[in-house]
N, C-alpha and C. Protein backbone atom coordinates (compact mmCIF):
# COMPACT_ATOMS: atom_id res chain seq x y z
N UNK A 1 4.09 -9.35 15.38
CA UNK A 1 3.43 -8.20 14.79
C UNK A 1 1.93 -8.45 14.79
N UNK A 2 1.19 -7.44 15.21
CA UNK A 2 -0.26 -7.60 15.24
C UNK A 2 -0.89 -7.10 13.93
N UNK A 3 -2.18 -7.36 13.79
CA UNK A 3 -2.90 -6.98 12.57
C UNK A 3 -2.87 -5.48 12.35
N UNK A 4 -3.00 -4.70 13.42
CA UNK A 4 -3.00 -3.25 13.28
C UNK A 4 -1.68 -2.77 12.70
N UNK A 5 -0.56 -3.30 13.18
CA UNK A 5 0.75 -2.91 12.66
C UNK A 5 0.88 -3.27 11.18
N UNK A 6 0.44 -4.47 10.83
CA UNK A 6 0.48 -4.89 9.43
C UNK A 6 -0.34 -3.94 8.57
N UNK A 7 -1.55 -3.65 8.99
CA UNK A 7 -2.43 -2.76 8.22
C UNK A 7 -1.81 -1.38 8.05
N UNK A 8 -1.14 -0.88 9.08
CA UNK A 8 -0.52 0.44 8.99
C UNK A 8 0.63 0.44 7.99
N UNK A 9 1.44 -0.60 8.01
CA UNK A 9 2.55 -0.69 7.06
C UNK A 9 2.03 -0.86 5.64
N UNK A 10 1.04 -1.72 5.46
CA UNK A 10 0.43 -1.89 4.14
C UNK A 10 -0.16 -0.58 3.66
N UNK A 11 -0.85 0.12 4.54
CA UNK A 11 -1.45 1.39 4.18
C UNK A 11 -0.42 2.42 3.73
N UNK A 12 0.70 2.48 4.43
CA UNK A 12 1.78 3.41 4.04
C UNK A 12 2.31 3.07 2.65
N UNK A 13 2.42 1.78 2.37
CA UNK A 13 2.93 1.37 1.06
C UNK A 13 1.93 1.66 -0.05
N UNK A 14 0.65 1.49 0.24
CA UNK A 14 -0.37 1.83 -0.75
C UNK A 14 -0.32 3.33 -1.04
N UNK A 15 -0.23 4.12 0.01
CA UNK A 15 -0.17 5.58 -0.17
C UNK A 15 1.08 5.98 -0.95
N UNK A 16 2.22 5.39 -0.60
CA UNK A 16 3.46 5.73 -1.27
C UNK A 16 3.37 5.37 -2.76
N UNK A 17 2.81 4.21 -3.06
CA UNK A 17 2.67 3.79 -4.46
C UNK A 17 1.74 4.73 -5.21
N UNK A 18 0.64 5.12 -4.58
CA UNK A 18 -0.30 6.04 -5.22
C UNK A 18 0.35 7.39 -5.49
N UNK A 19 1.07 7.90 -4.49
CA UNK A 19 1.72 9.20 -4.64
C UNK A 19 2.83 9.17 -5.68
N UNK A 20 3.55 8.04 -5.78
CA UNK A 20 4.59 7.90 -6.81
C UNK A 20 3.98 8.00 -8.21
N UNK A 21 2.75 7.54 -8.35
CA UNK A 21 2.07 7.62 -9.64
C UNK A 21 1.43 8.99 -9.86
N UNK A 22 1.42 9.81 -8.81
CA UNK A 22 0.89 11.17 -8.93
C UNK A 22 -0.62 11.23 -9.06
N UNK A 23 -1.32 10.32 -8.40
CA UNK A 23 -2.78 10.35 -8.49
C UNK A 23 -3.39 10.55 -7.10
N UNK A 24 -4.58 11.06 -7.10
CA UNK A 24 -5.30 11.31 -5.84
C UNK A 24 -6.01 10.05 -5.38
N UNK A 25 -6.46 10.09 -4.14
CA UNK A 25 -7.27 8.98 -3.63
C UNK A 25 -8.53 8.82 -4.47
N UNK A 26 -9.12 9.93 -4.86
CA UNK A 26 -10.34 9.89 -5.66
C UNK A 26 -10.11 9.23 -7.01
N UNK A 27 -8.99 9.56 -7.64
CA UNK A 27 -8.69 8.95 -8.94
C UNK A 27 -8.42 7.45 -8.79
N UNK A 28 -7.69 7.07 -7.75
CA UNK A 28 -7.44 5.66 -7.51
C UNK A 28 -8.75 4.92 -7.24
N UNK A 29 -9.60 5.53 -6.44
CA UNK A 29 -10.90 4.93 -6.14
C UNK A 29 -11.71 4.72 -7.42
N UNK A 30 -11.68 5.71 -8.29
CA UNK A 30 -12.40 5.60 -9.55
C UNK A 30 -11.85 4.46 -10.40
N UNK A 31 -10.54 4.35 -10.46
CA UNK A 31 -9.91 3.27 -11.24
C UNK A 31 -10.26 1.89 -10.67
N UNK A 32 -10.44 1.82 -9.35
CA UNK A 32 -10.74 0.54 -8.70
C UNK A 32 -12.24 0.29 -8.57
N UNK A 33 -13.04 1.30 -8.90
CA UNK A 33 -14.50 1.21 -8.77
C UNK A 33 -14.94 1.03 -7.31
N UNK A 34 -14.33 1.83 -6.43
CA UNK A 34 -14.72 1.90 -5.02
C UNK A 34 -14.83 3.38 -4.67
N UNK A 35 -15.27 3.67 -3.46
CA UNK A 35 -15.32 5.09 -3.09
C UNK A 35 -14.01 5.48 -2.42
N UNK A 36 -13.74 6.77 -2.41
CA UNK A 36 -12.47 7.29 -1.88
C UNK A 36 -12.31 6.99 -0.40
N UNK A 37 -13.40 6.81 0.32
CA UNK A 37 -13.30 6.47 1.75
C UNK A 37 -12.61 5.12 1.94
N UNK A 38 -12.84 4.19 1.02
CA UNK A 38 -12.15 2.90 1.11
C UNK A 38 -10.64 3.09 0.99
N UNK A 39 -10.23 3.87 0.02
CA UNK A 39 -8.80 4.12 -0.19
C UNK A 39 -8.22 4.78 1.04
N UNK A 40 -8.91 5.77 1.56
CA UNK A 40 -8.45 6.48 2.75
C UNK A 40 -8.30 5.53 3.94
N UNK A 41 -9.26 4.65 4.12
CA UNK A 41 -9.19 3.73 5.27
C UNK A 41 -8.07 2.71 5.09
N UNK A 42 -7.78 2.32 3.84
CA UNK A 42 -6.63 1.43 3.60
C UNK A 42 -5.34 2.15 3.95
N UNK A 43 -5.21 3.38 3.45
CA UNK A 43 -3.97 4.14 3.66
C UNK A 43 -3.73 4.47 5.13
N UNK A 44 -4.78 4.65 5.88
CA UNK A 44 -4.63 4.93 7.32
C UNK A 44 -4.43 3.66 8.13
N UNK A 45 -4.54 2.53 7.50
CA UNK A 45 -4.35 1.26 8.19
C UNK A 45 -5.54 0.83 9.01
N UNK A 46 -6.69 1.41 8.74
CA UNK A 46 -7.91 1.04 9.46
C UNK A 46 -8.52 -0.24 8.91
N UNK A 47 -8.31 -0.47 7.62
CA UNK A 47 -8.84 -1.67 6.97
C UNK A 47 -7.75 -2.26 6.08
N UNK A 48 -7.88 -3.54 5.83
CA UNK A 48 -6.94 -4.23 4.95
C UNK A 48 -7.71 -4.73 3.73
N UNK A 49 -7.28 -4.36 2.53
CA UNK A 49 -8.00 -4.82 1.34
C UNK A 49 -7.87 -6.34 1.17
N UNK A 50 -8.91 -6.94 0.66
CA UNK A 50 -8.86 -8.38 0.36
C UNK A 50 -7.94 -8.59 -0.84
N UNK A 51 -7.64 -9.84 -1.13
CA UNK A 51 -6.81 -10.14 -2.30
C UNK A 51 -7.46 -9.65 -3.59
N UNK A 52 -8.77 -9.73 -3.66
CA UNK A 52 -9.49 -9.22 -4.83
C UNK A 52 -9.20 -7.74 -5.02
N UNK A 53 -9.30 -6.96 -3.94
CA UNK A 53 -9.07 -5.51 -4.04
C UNK A 53 -7.60 -5.18 -4.22
N UNK A 54 -6.71 -6.02 -3.67
CA UNK A 54 -5.29 -5.80 -3.92
C UNK A 54 -4.98 -5.99 -5.40
N UNK A 55 -5.60 -6.98 -6.02
CA UNK A 55 -5.40 -7.18 -7.46
C UNK A 55 -5.88 -5.96 -8.24
N UNK A 56 -7.01 -5.43 -7.86
CA UNK A 56 -7.50 -4.21 -8.51
C UNK A 56 -6.55 -3.04 -8.28
N UNK A 57 -5.98 -2.97 -7.08
CA UNK A 57 -5.02 -1.92 -6.76
C UNK A 57 -3.80 -2.02 -7.67
N UNK A 58 -3.27 -3.23 -7.82
CA UNK A 58 -2.11 -3.43 -8.70
C UNK A 58 -2.42 -2.96 -10.12
N UNK A 59 -3.59 -3.32 -10.60
CA UNK A 59 -3.98 -2.92 -11.95
C UNK A 59 -4.15 -1.41 -12.06
N UNK A 60 -4.82 -0.82 -11.07
CA UNK A 60 -5.09 0.62 -11.10
C UNK A 60 -3.80 1.44 -11.03
N UNK A 61 -2.83 0.94 -10.29
CA UNK A 61 -1.56 1.67 -10.14
C UNK A 61 -0.50 1.19 -11.13
N UNK A 62 -0.85 0.16 -11.91
CA UNK A 62 0.07 -0.40 -12.89
C UNK A 62 1.40 -0.77 -12.22
N UNK A 63 1.29 -1.54 -11.13
CA UNK A 63 2.48 -2.00 -10.42
C UNK A 63 2.54 -3.51 -10.43
N UNK A 64 3.74 -4.02 -10.33
CA UNK A 64 3.97 -5.46 -10.32
C UNK A 64 3.66 -6.02 -8.94
N UNK A 65 2.71 -6.97 -8.85
CA UNK A 65 2.36 -7.53 -7.55
C UNK A 65 3.55 -8.14 -6.81
N UNK A 66 4.42 -8.82 -7.54
CA UNK A 66 5.58 -9.45 -6.90
C UNK A 66 6.51 -8.40 -6.31
N UNK A 67 6.72 -7.31 -7.03
CA UNK A 67 7.60 -6.24 -6.53
C UNK A 67 6.98 -5.56 -5.31
N UNK A 68 5.68 -5.30 -5.37
CA UNK A 68 5.00 -4.68 -4.24
C UNK A 68 5.08 -5.59 -3.02
N UNK A 69 4.87 -6.89 -3.22
CA UNK A 69 4.94 -7.84 -2.11
C UNK A 69 6.35 -7.90 -1.53
N UNK A 70 7.36 -7.84 -2.39
CA UNK A 70 8.74 -7.83 -1.92
C UNK A 70 9.02 -6.60 -1.05
N UNK A 71 8.55 -5.46 -1.51
CA UNK A 71 8.74 -4.22 -0.75
C UNK A 71 8.00 -4.31 0.58
N UNK A 72 6.78 -4.79 0.55
CA UNK A 72 6.00 -4.94 1.77
C UNK A 72 6.70 -5.88 2.74
N UNK A 73 7.24 -6.97 2.24
CA UNK A 73 7.96 -7.93 3.07
C UNK A 73 9.15 -7.25 3.75
N UNK A 74 9.89 -6.45 2.99
CA UNK A 74 11.02 -5.72 3.58
C UNK A 74 10.55 -4.78 4.68
N UNK A 75 9.49 -4.06 4.40
CA UNK A 75 8.95 -3.12 5.40
C UNK A 75 8.53 -3.85 6.67
N UNK A 76 7.88 -4.98 6.52
CA UNK A 76 7.43 -5.74 7.68
C UNK A 76 8.62 -6.21 8.51
N UNK A 77 9.67 -6.63 7.84
CA UNK A 77 10.87 -7.06 8.57
C UNK A 77 11.57 -5.89 9.23
N UNK A 78 11.58 -4.74 8.58
CA UNK A 78 12.17 -3.55 9.19
C UNK A 78 11.40 -3.18 10.45
N UNK A 79 10.08 -3.28 10.38
CA UNK A 79 9.23 -2.94 11.52
C UNK A 79 9.58 -3.80 12.72
N UNK A 80 9.83 -5.08 12.47
CA UNK A 80 10.12 -5.95 13.60
C UNK A 80 11.55 -5.76 14.11
N UNK A 81 12.42 -5.18 13.28
CA UNK A 81 13.80 -4.96 13.70
C UNK A 81 13.98 -3.56 14.27
N UNK A 82 13.59 -2.56 13.50
CA UNK A 82 13.79 -1.18 13.94
C UNK A 82 12.77 -0.27 13.26
N UNK A 83 11.76 0.18 13.99
CA UNK A 83 10.70 0.98 13.38
C UNK A 83 11.15 2.32 12.81
N UNK A 84 12.29 2.84 13.21
CA UNK A 84 12.72 4.16 12.76
C UNK A 84 13.12 4.21 11.29
N UNK A 85 13.33 3.08 10.66
CA UNK A 85 13.78 3.11 9.28
C UNK A 85 12.64 2.95 8.29
N UNK A 86 11.42 3.09 8.74
CA UNK A 86 10.28 2.92 7.83
C UNK A 86 10.21 4.00 6.76
N UNK A 87 10.89 5.10 6.93
CA UNK A 87 10.83 6.17 5.95
C UNK A 87 11.71 5.92 4.73
N UNK A 88 12.51 4.85 4.73
CA UNK A 88 13.38 4.56 3.60
C UNK A 88 12.54 4.29 2.36
N UNK A 89 13.07 4.65 1.21
CA UNK A 89 12.36 4.43 -0.05
C UNK A 89 12.88 3.21 -0.77
N UNK A 90 11.97 2.40 -1.25
CA UNK A 90 12.28 1.28 -2.12
C UNK A 90 11.44 1.49 -3.37
N UNK A 91 12.05 1.69 -4.53
CA UNK A 91 11.27 1.95 -5.74
C UNK A 91 10.38 0.78 -6.11
N UNK A 92 9.23 1.08 -6.67
CA UNK A 92 8.29 0.05 -7.09
C UNK A 92 8.67 -0.55 -8.43
N UNK A 93 9.45 0.17 -9.21
CA UNK A 93 9.80 -0.30 -10.54
C UNK A 93 11.31 -0.28 -10.69
N UNK A 94 11.82 -1.16 -11.54
CA UNK A 94 13.26 -1.17 -11.81
C UNK A 94 13.60 -0.20 -12.88
């Protein structure tokens, strides 16, 4: 898997998590103290947030980092096995 594929999968998961919380890119950006263009570029897979910004993302979305990482790991493995199943939902919270 290349970096672009990873960024795209991560971006989809960031977007899905944000939408599950019912907030806009602008609101998430405000909570993270970044501009909405950063959020947009993460969600489109153009950029990958650093660990510092991922921590801020977890806090802003009130999600468990371990659970998000587990979901991301599943998505990455699905991508390498069969890309068609990327639309499956894995809840962020129990």
